[in-house]
Structures are given as C-alpha cells and as structure tokens.
Amino acid sequence: MNWKQKALSGLMAGGFGLRWLAGHHVDADDPALAAALHAVDVALGWMLAVAVVLALRWLLLTLRRWLARGRRSEG
C-alpha cells in the first residue's frame, strides 16, 4: 500500500468508528446534544458514501488502464 491508500483507509476506518459512536442511542435529556449527534451521524454517512464512490471510481480507472496496457502489448 502506498501512503495515499493508507491515509484513505485510516480516514475511512476512523469515519466508520465515529459514525458507529454517533449512531448509538444516547440517553440525552438535552435535545441539542441529540440533534448534534444526529447531524454528525448524517454528515459522516454522506462523507463515507462519497469516499466509497471515489474509491470505486479509482478502482475502475485503474482497471481500465491496466486492461488498455494489456491490449497494447498484444497488438
């Protein structure tokens, strides 16, 4: 793994952990705290979804380049 892959993996693992913490039911009498935790949960969910889409895009582009290189060497 290069440093970019390690950094992305660490960020995604940290995001999943924070989302797990934010998604747990907290017995908070303060509605502001409950709203803040919900907002963090939603924001992290969207960030993780975008990160997964970007990772899939990178994977598909890498696969496409790899396949194109293979075809050039055959011809």
Protein backbone atom coordinates (compact mmCIF):
# COMPACT_ATOMS: atom_id res chain seq x y z
CA MET A 1 0.00 0.00 0.00
CA ASN A 2 1.27 3.46 -0.77
CA TRP A 3 0.77 6.41 1.56
CA LYS A 4 -2.38 7.60 -0.19
CA GLN A 5 -4.09 4.23 0.22
CA LYS A 6 -3.02 4.04 3.87
CA ALA A 7 -4.32 7.55 4.53
CA LEU A 8 -7.67 6.81 2.84
CA SER A 9 -8.02 3.53 4.72
CA GLY A 10 -7.30 5.25 8.02
CA LEU A 11 -9.75 8.04 7.31
CA MET A 12 -12.48 5.61 6.33
CA ALA A 13 -11.87 3.42 9.39
CA GLY A 14 -11.96 6.49 11.61
CA GLY A 15 -15.12 7.68 9.92
CA PHE A 16 -16.82 4.32 10.41
CA GLY A 17 -15.81 4.38 14.08
CA LEU A 18 -17.13 7.90 14.61
CA ARG A 19 -20.32 7.06 12.77
CA TRP A 20 -20.77 3.98 14.93
CA LEU A 21 -20.35 6.11 18.05
CA ALA A 22 -22.71 8.80 16.77
CA GLY A 23 -25.30 6.23 15.72
CA HIS A 24 -25.68 4.75 19.18
CA HIS A 25 -28.66 5.77 21.22
CA VAL A 26 -27.57 8.25 23.84
CA ASP A 27 -29.80 8.88 26.81
CA ALA A 28 -29.51 12.62 26.47
CA ASP A 29 -32.07 14.80 28.11
CA ASP A 30 -30.67 17.69 26.14
CA PRO A 31 -32.31 17.79 22.70
CA ALA A 32 -29.43 19.91 21.37
CA LEU A 33 -26.96 17.09 22.11
CA ALA A 34 -29.21 14.54 20.43
CA ALA A 35 -29.57 16.82 17.39
CA ALA A 36 -25.81 17.37 17.22
CA LEU A 37 -25.12 13.63 17.36
CA HIS A 38 -27.68 13.03 14.63
CA ALA A 39 -26.11 15.76 12.47
CA VAL A 40 -22.66 14.19 12.93
CA ASP A 41 -24.09 10.78 12.03
CA VAL A 42 -25.68 12.10 8.84
CA ALA A 43 -22.59 14.08 7.81
CA LEU A 44 -20.26 11.13 8.36
CA GLY A 45 -22.62 8.86 6.47
CA TRP A 46 -22.53 11.15 3.44
CA MET A 47 -18.75 11.53 3.65
CA LEU A 48 -18.30 7.77 3.77
CA ALA A 49 -20.66 7.30 0.83
CA VAL A 50 -18.67 9.82 -1.22
CA ALA A 51 -15.39 8.16 -0.21
CA VAL A 52 -16.68 4.76 -1.33
CA VAL A 53 -17.80 6.18 -4.68
CA LEU A 54 -14.41 7.83 -5.19
CA ALA A 55 -12.61 4.62 -4.26
CA LEU A 56 -14.72 2.65 -6.75
CA ARG A 57 -14.04 5.26 -9.43
CA TRP A 58 -10.30 4.99 -8.78
CA LEU A 59 -10.51 1.20 -8.92
CA LEU A 60 -12.39 1.23 -12.23
CA LEU A 61 -9.99 3.73 -13.81
CA THR A 62 -7.01 1.68 -12.67
CA LEU A 63 -8.57 -1.48 -14.08
CA ARG A 64 -9.33 0.30 -17.35
CA ARG A 65 -5.70 1.49 -17.67
CA TRP A 66 -4.42 -1.98 -16.82
CA LEU A 67 -6.65 -3.60 -19.46
CA ALA A 68 -5.69 -0.99 -22.07
CA ARG A 69 -2.00 -1.64 -21.39
CA GLY A 70 -2.59 -5.37 -21.88
CA ARG A 71 -4.27 -4.85 -25.24
CA ARG A 72 -1.45 -2.61 -26.48
CA SER A 73 1.16 -5.22 -25.64
CA GLU A 74 -0.78 -7.90 -27.55
CA GLY A 75 -1.15 -5.86 -30.72
